[in-house]
C-alpha atoms as a PDB file:
ATOM      1  CA  MET A   1      21.006 -48.058  28.435  1.00  0.00           C
ATOM      2  CA  ILE A   2      20.162 -50.906  26.048  1.00  0.00           C
ATOM      3  CA  SER A   3      22.507 -53.801  26.757  1.00  0.00           C
ATOM      4  CA  LEU A   4      24.181 -55.650  23.933  1.00  0.00           C
ATOM      5  CA  ASN A   5      23.933 -58.857  26.005  1.00  0.00           C
ATOM      6  CA  PHE A   6      20.479 -59.560  24.626  1.00  0.00           C
ATOM      7  CA  CYS A   7      22.040 -60.084  21.165  1.00  0.00           C
ATOM      8  CA  LYS A   8      23.528 -63.464  22.130  1.00  0.00           C
ATOM      9  CA  PRO A   9      20.387 -65.608  22.308  1.00  0.00           C
ATOM     10  CA  LEU A  10      18.832 -63.726  19.420  1.00  0.00           C
ATOM     11  CA  LEU A  11      21.632 -64.554  17.004  1.00  0.00           C
ATOM     12  CA  LYS A  12      20.323 -68.116  16.909  1.00  0.00           C
ATOM     13  CA  SER A  13      16.720 -67.201  16.251  1.00  0.00           C
ATOM     14  CA  PHE A  14      16.626 -64.539  13.546  1.00  0.00           C
ATOM     15  CA  GLU A  15      18.576 -62.269  11.221  1.00  0.00           C
ATOM     16  CA  PRO A  16      21.623 -61.227  13.263  1.00  0.00           C
ATOM     17  CA  TYR A  17      22.780 -58.625  10.783  1.00  0.00           C
ATOM     18  CA  ALA A  18      19.386 -56.943  10.779  1.00  0.00           C
ATOM     19  CA  LEU A  19      19.425 -56.659  14.563  1.00  0.00           C
ATOM     20  CA  ILE A  20      23.005 -55.357  14.605  1.00  0.00           C
ATOM     21  CA  MET A  21      22.057 -52.757  11.987  1.00  0.00           C
ATOM     22  CA  LEU A  22      19.089 -51.678  14.116  1.00  0.00           C
ATOM     23  CA  LEU A  23      21.236 -51.350  17.230  1.00  0.00           C
ATOM     24  CA  THR A  24      23.882 -49.416  15.313  1.00  0.00           C
ATOM     25  CA  LEU A  25      21.232 -46.871  14.401  1.00  0.00           C
ATOM     26  CA  ILE A  26      19.616 -46.708  17.838  1.00  0.00           C
ATOM     27  CA  LEU A  27      22.462 -46.718  20.346  1.00  0.00           C
ATOM     28  CA  PRO A  28      24.225 -43.426  19.424  1.00  0.00           C
ATOM     29  CA  ILE A  29      20.918 -41.541  19.475  1.00  0.00           C
ATOM     30  CA  ALA A  30      19.830 -43.234  22.686  1.00  0.00           C
ATOM     31  CA  ALA A  31      23.079 -42.334  24.428  1.00  0.00           C
ATOM     32  CA  LYS A  32      22.738 -38.702  23.424  1.00  0.00           C
ATOM     33  CA  ALA A  33      19.117 -38.567  24.574  1.00  0.00           C
ATOM     34  CA  GLN A  34      19.873 -40.368  27.842  1.00  0.00           C
ATOM     35  CA  SER A  35      22.579 -37.870  28.836  1.00  0.00           C
ATOM     36  CA  ALA A  36      20.306 -34.866  28.333  1.00  0.00           C
ATOM     37  CA  TYR A  37      16.993 -36.302  29.512  1.00  0.00           C
ATOM     38  CA  GLN A  38      15.778 -35.048  32.876  1.00  0.00           C
ATOM     39  CA  PHE A  39      12.300 -36.595  33.083  1.00  0.00           C
ATOM     40  CA  ASP A  40      12.340 -40.200  34.365  1.00  0.00           C
ATOM     41  CA  SER A  41      15.559 -40.711  32.428  1.00  0.00           C
ATOM     42  CA  SER A  42      16.163 -44.199  33.828  1.00  0.00           C
ATOM     43  CA  PHE A  43      12.539 -45.316  33.465  1.00  0.00           C
ATOM     44  CA  LYS A  44      12.102 -48.580  31.583  1.00  0.00           C
ATOM     45  CA  GLN A  45       8.677 -49.376  30.198  1.00  0.00           C
ATOM     46  CA  THR A  46       7.056 -52.503  31.622  1.00  0.00           C
ATOM     47  CA  LYS A  47       3.770 -51.903  29.777  1.00  0.00           C
ATOM     48  CA  PRO A  48       4.683 -50.667  26.313  1.00  0.00           C
ATOM     49  CA  PHE A  49       1.924 -49.728  23.890  1.00  0.00           C
ATOM     50  CA  LEU A  50       2.751 -52.913  22.000  1.00  0.00           C
ATOM     51  CA  PHE A  51       0.059 -55.130  20.515  1.00  0.00           C
ATOM     52  CA  GLU A  52      -0.037 -58.542  18.869  1.00  0.00           C
ATOM     53  CA  ILE A  53      -2.479 -58.821  15.960  1.00  0.00           C
ATOM     54  CA  GLU A  54      -3.542 -62.358  15.030  1.00  0.00           C
ATOM     55  CA  LYS A  55      -5.979 -63.891  12.567  1.00  0.00           C
ATOM     56  CA  ASP A  56      -5.980 -67.328  10.916  1.00  0.00           C
ATOM     57  CA  GLY A  57      -2.607 -68.091  12.453  1.00  0.00           C
ATOM     58  CA  LYS A  58      -0.943 -65.004  10.931  1.00  0.00           C
ATOM     59  CA  ILE A  59       0.711 -62.769  13.537  1.00  0.00           C
ATOM     60  CA  SER A  60       1.810 -59.147  13.231  1.00  0.00           C
ATOM     61  CA  HIS A  61       2.496 -56.358  15.723  1.00  0.00           C
ATOM     62  CA  ILE A  62       1.633 -52.704  16.294  1.00  0.00           C
ATOM     63  CA  LEU A  63       3.727 -50.323  18.353  1.00  0.00           C
ATOM     64  CA  GLY A  64       1.732 -47.336  19.560  1.00  0.00           C
ATOM     65  CA  SER A  65       4.345 -44.599  19.678  1.00  0.00           C
ATOM     66  CA  MET A  66       4.810 -41.107  20.979  1.00  0.00           C
ATOM     67  CA  HIS A  67       6.573 -39.379  18.102  1.00  0.00           C
ATOM     68  CA  VAL A  68       8.752 -37.221  20.376  1.00  0.00           C
ATOM     69  CA  GLY A  69       9.691 -36.927  24.050  1.00  0.00           C
ATOM     70  CA  ILE A  70      10.456 -40.579  24.835  1.00  0.00           C
ATOM     71  CA  PRO A  71      14.074 -41.778  25.222  1.00  0.00           C
ATOM     72  CA  LEU A  72      14.876 -44.708  22.981  1.00  0.00           C
ATOM     73  CA  THR A  73      16.406 -46.333  26.057  1.00  0.00           C
ATOM     74  CA  SER A  74      12.950 -46.456  27.662  1.00  0.00           C
ATOM     75  CA  PHE A  75      11.630 -48.974  25.157  1.00  0.00           C
ATOM     76  CA  PRO A  76      11.941 -52.642  26.150  1.00  0.00           C
ATOM     77  CA  VAL A  77      14.147 -54.890  24.045  1.00  0.00           C
ATOM     78  CA  ILE A  78      11.105 -56.774  22.711  1.00  0.00           C
ATOM     79  CA  VAL A  79      10.224 -53.754  20.539  1.00  0.00           C
ATOM     80  CA  PHE A  80      13.540 -53.930  18.695  1.00  0.00           C
ATOM     81  CA  GLU A  81      13.469 -57.734  18.521  1.00  0.00           C
ATOM     82  CA  LEU A  82      10.078 -57.742  16.816  1.00  0.00           C
ATOM     83  CA  ALA A  83      11.094 -54.971  14.421  1.00  0.00           C
ATOM     84  CA  ALA A  84      14.209 -56.916  13.431  1.00  0.00           C
ATOM     85  CA  GLN A  85      12.200 -60.139  12.927  1.00  0.00           C
ATOM     86  CA  SER A  86       9.497 -58.509  10.798  1.00  0.00           C
ATOM     87  CA  LYS A  87       8.908 -59.259   7.133  1.00  0.00           C
ATOM     88  CA  SER A  88       7.490 -55.795   6.429  1.00  0.00           C
ATOM     89  CA  MET A  89       7.073 -52.497   8.274  1.00  0.00           C
ATOM     90  CA  ALA A  90       4.502 -49.711   8.147  1.00  0.00           C
ATOM     91  CA  PHE A  91       4.443 -46.105   9.357  1.00  0.00           C
ATOM     92  CA  GLU A  92       2.074 -43.155   9.227  1.00  0.00           C
ATOM     93  CA  ALA A  93       4.365 -41.256   6.851  1.00  0.00           C
ATOM     94  CA  ASP A  94       7.975 -40.244   6.293  1.00  0.00           C
ATOM     95  CA  ALA A  95       8.058 -37.122   8.489  1.00  0.00           C
ATOM     96  CA  GLU A  96      11.393 -35.942   7.123  1.00  0.00           C
ATOM     97  CA  LEU A  97      10.323 -36.225   3.490  1.00  0.00           C
ATOM     98  CA  PHE A  98       6.925 -34.634   4.116  1.00  0.00           C
ATOM     99  CA  LYS A  99       8.464 -31.664   5.910  1.00  0.00           C
ATOM    100  CA  LYS A 100      10.974 -31.161   3.112  1.00  0.00           C
ATOM    101  CA  ASN A 101       8.382 -31.347   0.321  1.00  0.00           C
ATOM    102  CA  ASN A 102       5.536 -29.408   1.946  1.00  0.00           C
ATOM    103  CA  ARG A 103       7.129 -26.550   3.902  1.00  0.00           C
ATOM    104  CA  GLU A 104       6.108 -23.865   1.394  1.00  0.00           C
ATOM    105  CA  ALA A 105       2.601 -25.279   0.926  1.00  0.00           C
ATOM    106  CA  MET A 106       2.086 -25.319   4.706  1.00  0.00           C
ATOM    107  CA  HIS A 107       3.153 -21.695   4.987  1.00  0.00           C
ATOM    108  CA  ALA A 108       0.799 -20.680   2.181  1.00  0.00           C
ATOM    109  CA  ALA A 109      -2.091 -22.573   3.773  1.00  0.00           C
ATOM    110  CA  ALA A 110      -1.513 -20.728   7.056  1.00  0.00           C
ATOM    111  CA  LEU A 111      -2.145 -17.300   5.535  1.00  0.00           C
ATOM    112  CA  TYR A 112      -5.590 -15.725   5.542  1.00  0.00           C
ATOM    113  CA  PRO A 113      -6.749 -14.106   2.291  1.00  0.00           C
ATOM    114  CA  PRO A 114      -5.664 -10.428   2.055  1.00  0.00           C
ATOM    115  CA  GLU A 115      -9.128  -9.157   2.986  1.00  0.00           C
ATOM    116  CA  ASP A 116      -9.331 -11.301   6.121  1.00  0.00           C
ATOM    117  CA  SER A 117      -7.299 -11.627   9.318  1.00  0.00           C
ATOM    118  CA  LEU A 118      -7.166 -13.436  12.632  1.00  0.00           C
ATOM    119  CA  ASP A 119      -8.553 -10.527  14.677  1.00  0.00           C
ATOM    120  CA  LYS A 120     -11.816 -10.733  12.679  1.00  0.00           C
ATOM    121  CA  ASN A 121     -12.248 -14.291  13.940  1.00  0.00           C
ATOM    122  CA  LEU A 122     -11.406 -13.830  17.621  1.00  0.00           C
ATOM    123  CA  THR A 123     -13.064 -11.984  20.460  1.00  0.00           C
ATOM    124  CA  ARG A 124     -11.487  -8.854  21.896  1.00  0.00           C
ATOM    125  CA  LYS A 125     -10.418 -10.797  24.994  1.00  0.00           C
ATOM    126  CA  ALA A 126      -8.595 -13.419  22.928  1.00  0.00           C
ATOM    127  CA  THR A 127      -6.894 -10.742  20.842  1.00  0.00           C
ATOM    128  CA  LEU A 128      -5.635  -9.053  24.013  1.00  0.00           C
ATOM    129  CA  LYS A 129      -4.275 -12.417  25.185  1.00  0.00           C
ATOM    130  CA  LEU A 130      -2.420 -12.786  21.893  1.00  0.00           C
ATOM    131  CA  ARG A 131      -0.894  -9.334  22.391  1.00  0.00           C
ATOM    132  CA  GLU A 132       0.190 -10.365  25.870  1.00  0.00           C
ATOM    133  CA  LEU A 133       1.787 -13.541  24.534  1.00  0.00           C
ATOM    134  CA  PHE A 134       3.517 -12.250  21.411  1.00  0.00           C
ATOM    135  CA  ASP A 135       3.986  -8.478  21.477  1.00  0.00           C
ATOM    136  CA  HIS A 136       7.310  -8.811  23.291  1.00  0.00           C
ATOM    137  CA  GLY A 137       8.752 -11.032  20.610  1.00  0.00           C
ATOM    138  CA  GLN A 138       6.760 -11.289  17.416  1.00  0.00           C
ATOM    139  CA  GLY A 139       4.534  -8.355  16.479  1.00  0.00           C
ATOM    140  CA  ILE A 140       0.824  -9.008  16.787  1.00  0.00           C
ATOM    141  CA  GLU A 141       0.165  -7.369  13.396  1.00  0.00           C
ATOM    142  CA  HIS A 142       2.414  -9.975  11.825  1.00  0.00           C
ATOM    143  CA  LEU A 143       0.493 -12.805  13.505  1.00  0.00           C
ATOM    144  CA  MET A 144      -2.928 -11.469  12.549  1.00  0.00           C
ATOM    145  CA  LYS A 145      -2.479 -12.552   8.934  1.00  0.00           C
ATOM    146  CA  TYR A 146      -2.259 -16.208   9.960  1.00  0.00           C
ATOM    147  CA  ARG A 147      -5.039 -18.724  10.516  1.00  0.00           C
ATOM    148  CA  SER A 148      -5.966 -20.104  13.911  1.00  0.00           C
ATOM    149  CA  TRP A 149      -4.041 -23.369  13.560  1.00  0.00           C
ATOM    150  CA  ALA A 150      -0.875 -21.489  12.664  1.00  0.00           C
ATOM    151  CA  ILE A 151      -1.042 -19.430  15.865  1.00  0.00           C
ATOM    152  CA  ALA A 152      -1.687 -22.594  17.880  1.00  0.00           C
ATOM    153  CA  SER A 153       1.410 -24.000  16.186  1.00  0.00           C
ATOM    154  CA  GLU A 154       3.377 -20.945  17.341  1.00  0.00           C
ATOM    155  CA  LEU A 155       2.353 -21.739  20.914  1.00  0.00           C
ATOM    156  CA  ASP A 156       3.244 -25.397  20.377  1.00  0.00           C
ATOM    157  CA  ALA A 157       6.661 -24.287  19.120  1.00  0.00           C
ATOM    158  CA  ASP A 158       7.187 -22.266  22.301  1.00  0.00           C
ATOM    159  CA  THR A 159       6.315 -25.336  24.358  1.00  0.00           C
ATOM    160  CA  LEU A 160       8.665 -27.492  22.300  1.00  0.00           C
ATOM    161  CA  LYS A 161      11.502 -25.011  22.858  1.00  0.00           C
ATOM    162  CA  THR A 162      10.929 -25.168  26.629  1.00  0.00           C
ATOM    163  CA  LEU A 163      10.958 -28.973  26.565  1.00  0.00           C
ATOM    164  CA  GLN A 164      14.109 -29.054  24.447  1.00  0.00           C
ATOM    165  CA  GLU A 165      15.860 -26.719  26.865  1.00  0.00           C
ATOM    166  CA  SER A 166      14.783 -28.902  29.795  1.00  0.00           C
ATOM    167  CA  ASP A 167      15.275 -32.402  28.384  1.00  0.00           C
ATOM    168  CA  GLY A 168      17.697 -31.895  25.503  1.00  0.00           C
ATOM    169  CA  ALA A 169      17.019 -31.045  21.880  1.00  0.00           C
ATOM    170  CA  ALA A 170      17.462 -34.606  20.625  1.00  0.00           C
ATOM    171  CA  GLN A 171      14.752 -35.862  22.948  1.00  0.00           C
ATOM    172  CA  TRP A 172      12.120 -33.669  21.306  1.00  0.00           C
ATOM    173  CA  ASP A 173      13.295 -33.954  17.706  1.00  0.00           C
ATOM    174  CA  VAL A 174      10.761 -35.974  15.702  1.00  0.00           C
ATOM    175  CA  LEU A 175      13.544 -37.088  13.367  1.00  0.00           C
ATOM    176  CA  GLN A 176      15.253 -38.825  16.315  1.00  0.00           C
ATOM    177  CA  GLY A 177      12.125 -40.405  17.814  1.00  0.00           C
ATOM    178  CA  ILE A 178      11.224 -44.091  17.729  1.00  0.00           C
ATOM    179  CA  ASP A 179       9.149 -43.776  14.510  1.00  0.00           C
ATOM    180  CA  MET A 180      11.918 -42.258  12.396  1.00  0.00           C
ATOM    181  CA  THR A 181      14.575 -44.478  13.995  1.00  0.00           C
ATOM    182  CA  LEU A 182      12.664 -47.612  12.984  1.00  0.00           C
ATOM    183  CA  LEU A 183      11.845 -46.152   9.561  1.00  0.00           C
ATOM    184  CA  ASN A 184      15.515 -45.410   8.869  1.00  0.00           C
ATOM    185  CA  TYR A 185      16.345 -48.952   9.957  1.00  0.00           C
ATOM    186  CA  ALA A 186      13.738 -50.368   7.564  1.00  0.00           C
ATOM    187  CA  LYS A 187      15.215 -48.339   4.711  1.00  0.00           C
ATOM    188  CA  GLN A 188      18.759 -49.471   5.453  1.00  0.00           C
ATOM    189  CA  VAL A 189      17.958 -53.192   5.567  1.00  0.00           C
ATOM    190  CA  GLY A 190      15.636 -53.010   2.559  1.00  0.00           C
ATOM    191  CA  ARG A 191      12.505 -54.004   4.463  1.00  0.00           C
ATOM    192  CA  PRO A 192       9.266 -53.451   2.465  1.00  0.00           C
ATOM    193  CA  ILE A 193       7.680 -50.231   3.791  1.00  0.00           C
ATOM    194  CA  THR A 194       4.017 -49.182   3.694  1.00  0.00           C
ATOM    195  CA  TYR A 195       2.975 -45.580   4.396  1.00  0.00           C
ATOM    196  CA  LEU A 196      -0.533 -45.399   5.817  1.00  0.00           C
ATOM    197  CA  ASP A 197      -1.432 -41.724   5.403  1.00  0.00           C
ATOM    198  CA  ASP A 198      -2.814 -40.057   2.295  1.00  0.00           C
ATOM    199  CA  LEU A 199      -0.172 -37.343   1.866  1.00  0.00           C
ATOM    200  CA  SER A 200      -2.259 -35.514  -0.732  1.00  0.00           C
ATOM    201  CA  ARG A 201      -4.615 -34.611   2.134  1.00  0.00           C
ATOM    202  CA  LYS A 202      -1.994 -33.603   4.688  1.00  0.00           C
ATOM    203  CA  VAL A 203      -1.844 -29.846   4.022  1.00  0.00           C
ATOM    204  CA  GLU A 204      -5.637 -29.638   3.841  1.00  0.00           C
ATOM    205  CA  GLU A 205      -5.898 -31.552   7.122  1.00  0.00           C
ATOM    206  CA  PHE A 206      -3.533 -29.151   8.832  1.00  0.00           C
ATOM    207  CA  ASN A 207      -5.636 -26.275   7.552  1.00  0.00           C
ATOM    208  CA  GLU A 208      -8.693 -27.831   9.224  1.00  0.00           C
ATOM    209  CA  ASN A 209      -6.865 -28.655  12.433  1.00  0.00           C
ATOM    210  CA  THR A 210      -7.786 -25.725  14.715  1.00  0.00           C
ATOM    211  CA  SER A 211     -10.753 -23.390  14.476  1.00  0.00           C
ATOM    212  CA  ALA A 212     -10.973 -19.888  15.923  1.00  0.00           C
ATOM    213  CA  GLN A 213     -13.193 -21.414  18.623  1.00  0.00           C
ATOM    214  CA  ASP A 214     -10.460 -23.885  19.533  1.00  0.00           C
ATOM    215  CA  LEU A 215      -7.900 -21.095  19.690  1.00  0.00           C
ATOM    216  CA  GLU A 216     -10.272 -19.081  21.889  1.00  0.00           C
ATOM    217  CA  LYS A 217     -10.415 -22.003  24.314  1.00  0.00           C
ATOM    218  CA  LEU A 218      -6.625 -22.246  24.465  1.00  0.00           C
ATOM    219  CA  LEU A 219      -6.316 -18.497  24.991  1.00  0.00           C
ATOM    220  CA  SER A 220      -8.856 -18.638  27.832  1.00  0.00           C
ATOM    221  CA  TYR A 221      -6.327 -20.341  30.107  1.00  0.00           C
ATOM    222  CA  PRO A 222      -4.503 -17.904  32.424  1.00  0.00           C
ATOM    223  CA  ASN A 223      -1.235 -19.114  30.917  1.00  0.00           C
ATOM    224  CA  PRO A 224      -1.731 -20.969  27.612  1.00  0.00           C
ATOM    225  CA  ARG A 225       1.961 -21.836  27.371  1.00  0.00           C
ATOM    226  CA  ALA A 226       1.946 -23.408  30.845  1.00  0.00           C
ATOM    227  CA  HIS A 227      -1.197 -25.373  29.929  1.00  0.00           C
ATOM    228  CA  LEU A 228       0.459 -26.803  26.812  1.00  0.00           C
ATOM    229  CA  LEU A 229       3.556 -27.710  28.810  1.00  0.00           C
ATOM    230  CA  GLN A 230       1.418 -29.540  31.393  1.00  0.00           C
ATOM    231  CA  CYS A 231      -0.337 -31.385  28.578  1.00  0.00           C
ATOM    232  CA  ALA A 232       2.983 -32.470  27.063  1.00  0.00           C
ATOM    233  CA  ARG A 233       4.188 -33.783  30.421  1.00  0.00           C
ATOM    234  CA  MET A 234       0.865 -35.553  30.972  1.00  0.00           C
ATOM    235  CA  ALA A 235       1.159 -37.369  27.622  1.00  0.00           C
ATOM    236  CA  GLN A 236       4.802 -38.196  28.304  1.00  0.00           C
ATOM    237  CA  SER A 237       4.116 -39.614  31.764  1.00  0.00           C
ATOM    238  CA  SER A 238       1.092 -41.625  30.573  1.00  0.00           C
ATOM    239  CA  TYR A 239       3.120 -43.121  27.748  1.00  0.00           C
ATOM    240  CA  LEU A 240       6.130 -44.078  29.846  1.00  0.00           C
ATOM    241  CA  LYS A 241       3.886 -45.762  32.422  1.00  0.00           C
ATOM    242  CA  GLY A 242       1.737 -47.494  29.798  1.00  0.00           C
ATOM    243  CA  ASN A 243      -1.351 -45.743  31.160  1.00  0.00           C
ATOM    244  CA  GLU A 244      -4.145 -45.927  28.568  1.00  0.00           C
ATOM    245  CA  SER A 245      -6.579 -44.020  30.795  1.00  0.00           C
ATOM    246  CA  GLY A 246      -4.075 -41.184  31.041  1.00  0.00           C
ATOM    247  CA  PHE A 247      -3.992 -40.923  27.256  1.00  0.00           C
ATOM    248  CA  ILE A 248      -7.787 -40.856  27.055  1.00  0.00           C
ATOM    249  CA  LEU A 249      -7.864 -38.094  29.664  1.00  0.00           C
ATOM    250  CA  PHE A 250      -5.150 -36.221  27.768  1.00  0.00           C
ATOM    251  CA  ASN A 251      -7.353 -36.222  24.662  1.00  0.00           C
ATOM    252  CA  GLU A 252     -10.297 -34.876  26.666  1.00  0.00           C
ATOM    253  CA  LEU A 253      -8.337 -32.058  28.295  1.00  0.00           C
ATOM    254  CA  CYS A 254      -5.689 -31.162  25.760  1.00  0.00           C
ATOM    255  CA  GLU A 255      -6.814 -31.882  22.196  1.00  0.00           C
ATOM    256  CA  ASN A 256      -9.458 -30.050  20.209  1.00  0.00           C
ATOM    257  CA  GLU A 257     -12.438 -31.815  18.660  1.00  0.00           C
ATOM    258  CA  ILE A 258     -11.378 -31.104  15.076  1.00  0.00           C
ATOM    259  CA  PHE A 259      -8.007 -32.731  15.639  1.00  0.00           C
ATOM    260  CA  LEU A 260      -9.546 -35.785  17.314  1.00  0.00           C
ATOM    261  CA  LYS A 261     -12.026 -36.196  14.468  1.00  0.00           C
ATOM    262  CA  ARG A 262      -9.153 -36.033  11.988  1.00  0.00           C
ATOM    263  CA  VAL A 263      -7.326 -38.731  13.967  1.00  0.00           C
ATOM    264  CA  GLU A 264     -10.403 -40.971  13.685  1.00  0.00           C
ATOM    265  CA  THR A 265     -10.727 -40.321   9.939  1.00  0.00           C
ATOM    266  CA  ARG A 266      -7.086 -41.180   9.335  1.00  0.00           C
ATOM    267  CA  THR A 267      -7.320 -44.336  11.452  1.00  0.00           C
ATOM    268  CA  ILE A 268     -10.330 -45.590   9.503  1.00  0.00           C
ATOM    269  CA  PHE A 269      -8.495 -44.845   6.224  1.00  0.00           C
ATOM    270  CA  TRP A 270      -5.588 -47.046   7.319  1.00  0.00           C
ATOM    271  CA  ILE A 271      -7.631 -50.216   7.840  1.00  0.00           C
ATOM    272  CA  ALA A 272      -7.570 -51.469   4.240  1.00  0.00           C
ATOM    273  CA  LYS A 273      -3.775 -51.140   4.045  1.00  0.00           C
ATOM    274  CA  LEU A 274      -3.329 -52.755   7.432  1.00  0.00           C
ATOM    275  CA  GLU A 275      -5.561 -55.696   6.504  1.00  0.00           C
ATOM    276  CA  ASN A 276      -3.349 -56.394   3.489  1.00  0.00           C
ATOM    277  CA  LEU A 277      -0.282 -56.455   5.733  1.00  0.00           C
ATOM    278  CA  PHE A 278      -1.864 -58.472   8.536  1.00  0.00           C
ATOM    279  CA  ASN A 279      -3.297 -61.064   6.162  1.00  0.00           C
ATOM    280  CA  GLU A 280       0.273 -61.748   5.023  1.00  0.00           C
ATOM    281  CA  GLY A 281       1.579 -61.797   8.594  1.00  0.00           C
ATOM    282  CA  GLY A 282       4.942 -60.722   9.954  1.00  0.00           C
ATOM    283  CA  ALA A 283       4.275 -56.977   9.776  1.00  0.00           C
ATOM    284  CA  PHE A 284       5.554 -54.484  12.336  1.00  0.00           C
ATOM    285  CA  VAL A 285       3.498 -51.289  12.347  1.00  0.00           C
ATOM    286  CA  THR A 286       4.446 -48.077  14.170  1.00  0.00           C
ATOM    287  CA  VAL A 287       1.727 -45.434  14.625  1.00  0.00           C
ATOM    288  CA  GLY A 288       0.851 -42.868  17.266  1.00  0.00           C
ATOM    289  CA  ALA A 289      -0.560 -44.425  20.443  1.00  0.00           C
ATOM    290  CA  GLY A 290      -3.540 -42.064  20.205  1.00  0.00           C
ATOM    291  CA  HIS A 291      -4.801 -44.117  17.260  1.00  0.00           C
ATOM    292  CA  MET A 292      -5.264 -47.267  19.360  1.00  0.00           C
ATOM    293  CA  ASP A 293      -8.214 -46.555  21.695  1.00  0.00           C
ATOM    294  CA  GLY A 294     -11.807 -45.406  21.243  1.00  0.00           C
ATOM    295  CA  PRO A 295     -14.729 -46.704  19.165  1.00  0.00           C
ATOM    296  CA  ASN A 296     -12.865 -45.795  15.964  1.00  0.00           C
ATOM    297  CA  GLY A 297      -9.414 -46.728  17.258  1.00  0.00           C
ATOM    298  CA  LEU A 298      -7.357 -49.532  15.787  1.00  0.00           C
ATOM    299  CA  LYS A 299      -8.113 -51.983  18.589  1.00  0.00           C
ATOM    300  CA  ALA A 300     -11.877 -51.694  18.074  1.00  0.00           C
ATOM    301  CA  LEU A 301     -11.758 -51.555  14.261  1.00  0.00           C
ATOM    302  CA  LEU A 302      -9.462 -54.562  13.933  1.00  0.00           C
ATOM    303  CA  THR A 303     -11.542 -56.553  16.420  1.00  0.00           C
ATOM    304  CA  LEU A 304     -14.611 -55.901  14.272  1.00  0.00           C
ATOM    305  CA  LYS A 305     -12.673 -57.289  11.317  1.00  0.00           C
ATOM    306  CA  GLY A 306     -12.099 -60.540  13.170  1.00  0.00           C
ATOM    307  CA  TYR A 307      -8.549 -59.988  14.429  1.00  0.00           C
ATOM    308  CA  LYS A 308      -7.455 -60.853  17.945  1.00  0.00           C
ATOM    309  CA  VAL A 309      -5.734 -57.841  19.481  1.00  0.00           C
ATOM    310  CA  ARG A 310      -3.576 -58.559  22.538  1.00  0.00           C
ATOM    311  CA  ARG A 311      -1.460 -56.071  24.432  1.00  0.00           C
ATOM    312  CA  LEU A 312       2.028 -57.365  25.270  1.00  0.00           C
ATOM    313  CA  ASP A 313       4.275 -56.619  28.218  1.00  0.00           C
ATOM    314  CA  ALA A 314       8.005 -55.853  28.142  1.00  0.00           C
ATOM    315  CA  PHE A 315       8.772 -59.575  27.722  1.00  0.00           C
ATOM    316  CA  GLY A 316       6.320 -60.206  24.900  1.00  0.00           C
ATOM    317  CA  ASN A 317       3.728 -61.879  27.107  1.00  0.00           C
ATOM    318  CA  PRO A 318       0.017 -60.978  26.917  1.00  0.00           C
ATOM    319  CA  VAL A 319      -1.010 -58.384  29.487  1.00  0.00           C
ATOM    320  CA  VAL A 320      -3.636 -59.727  31.869  1.00  0.00           C
ATOM    321  CA  THR A 321      -6.814 -57.693  31.478  1.00  0.00           C
ATOM    322  CA  ALA A 322      -7.532 -55.796  34.669  1.00  0.00           C
ATOM    323  CA  LYS A 323      -9.481 -52.784  35.787  1.00  0.00           C
ATOM    324  CA  ARG A 324      -8.651 -49.606  33.955  1.00  0.00           C
ATOM    325  CA  ASP A 325      -5.492 -47.736  34.947  1.00  0.00           C
ATOM    326  CA  LYS A 326      -6.067 -44.847  37.277  1.00  0.00           C
ATOM    327  CA  ALA A 327      -5.875 -41.622  35.289  1.00  0.00           C
ATOM    328  CA  LEU A 328      -3.397 -38.945  36.268  1.00  0.00           C
ATOM    329  CA  PRO A 329      -4.384 -35.982  38.501  1.00  0.00           C
ATOM    330  CA  THR A 330      -6.049 -33.161  36.598  1.00  0.00           C
ATOM    331  CA  GLN A 331      -6.289 -30.289  39.062  1.00  0.00           C
ATOM    332  CA  ASN A 332      -3.732 -28.232  37.160  1.00  0.00           C
ATOM    333  CA  LEU A 333      -5.457 -28.809  33.837  1.00  0.00           C
ATOM    334  CA  VAL A 334      -8.959 -27.664  34.705  1.00  0.00           C
ATOM    335  CA  HIS A 335     -10.286 -25.200  32.153  1.00  0.00           C
ATOM    336  CA  HIS A 336     -10.618 -21.566  33.228  1.00  0.00           C
ATOM    337  CA  ASN A 337     -13.155 -19.219  31.666  1.00  0.00           C
END
């Protein structure tokens, strides 16, 4: 659990009431998650996805997050210290508000036109796999009117249900993850908030997320649900251990090309907003860790803009650059035709 002892030296150095407010928000959720969590529940990150961004003497920070699946108690105290010290905060979007405002639009975007259907876009083999997966619960005829990404979302929902049953519902609730916890804190203390995503594009982006070809690939696994569960555990383990190579491998094995391209496009779109924040200094930015690496990841893009990007350890010290982390075993994730 997060100890309140770390408050004592901090009270002298920055806004005590802001830190107390942050802890008041975090501790009840963390306790609930800790009691239910069964996957490395006592694990404390020593290599968080935490980065210092510096240019012309102005310093800000980025936390690469995993939106769900990580106990708040796993994050080192430095994350909450830096959030409480920040002058401004930034997030991808307000997940709660987006979900509330776009639920109907998302459902409408999932439907094929009346003259079209999913079975016209999949091979016979994939259609039979869908029958095997859904005929016992949700009728296949019902599913056939939805687009490929909607069916992939159905499989994701099944995986999420399994994880919630195993680890506890709170642990896999995006509204109780680190992003929304810090966002709610920022709202309560009146911290200036910047949202990085273009919400007018969100529904359209979801509609582009998975093609029939991508769904075919997922359905080609002997057990698509088991594959998705393995992928979720792989991402979770890589994140907790601070393993960047594991995340890169996760993208290669578990994400489709359309989704990864959309991640790159969004990351590039964020740069102008982030530059405004970083040029002022004192910003604390929380975005998915998958946006950090790669030629169009934040580390590379910000470096090209002249910023120094340093990864920090659990004590706020720069991580010594070493050989790449060993990626996680992949024998259970090999694709089957």
